[in-house]
Amino acid sequence: MMSKVVSRIASRFLLAALSLFAVAQAQAVIYTDHQVINETLSRYNPAYESEFNIYQYGFRPASEDVISAGVAFLFYDADLREERVEINLGQEELQTGIINKGFTVFGGLLSCDALIDINEDGKISYDVRWVSGDSFRLVSGTLTACATASAPANGVPDGGTTVAMLGFAMLVIGGAHRKFKARA
């Protein structure tokens, strides 16, 4: 009877410890790189090139993986009407590393090409290009990326955490065993 109680207490504790460990490992971090651009694009100045860089905001490619991201560009026309273009980057785009998209803005056409090295160096190089229509102002660009801790290559938590959890669980089991043995 006593060993069942000890077993239940130990298993509940171990489950709680493992749950806390899983929650700590599964936390996502959001990184944002917002750029004020204010560049007019037209047939005379058809392209704007730059890059988003979340490395400068704390992203570490060696220990984190971007699992999803999105890019948004804000445009104004000559009458200060606003249009927004959003590009969602899922696993496919993050793995292929290249985006070629066309959009309609204010009745004209623009294209956006990007080279995605975000999981390698925290950067996305991009090119926004006026294709046709009236001129427009590229006001700003924003990259928002969701990253989690990289999974260990062998799928096992780091050794220190595992040893600490195991040691703590054994202390609890030993203490509970002594407590219930003294009562018997």
Foldseek 3Di string as FASTA:
>chain_A
DLVVVLVVVLVVVLVVLVVVVVVVQFDKDKFKFKWFDFDKDDPVRWKDKDKGARVVVPDDLVWKDFAWKKKKWWKAAPVRDIDMDMDIGHPVCLVVQWDWDWDADPNFIKIKIWGHPCSPGNMIIMMIGGDDDHMMTGGMMMMMTMMGTDQDPVNDPDPVSVVVSVVVSVVSSVVSVVVSVVVD
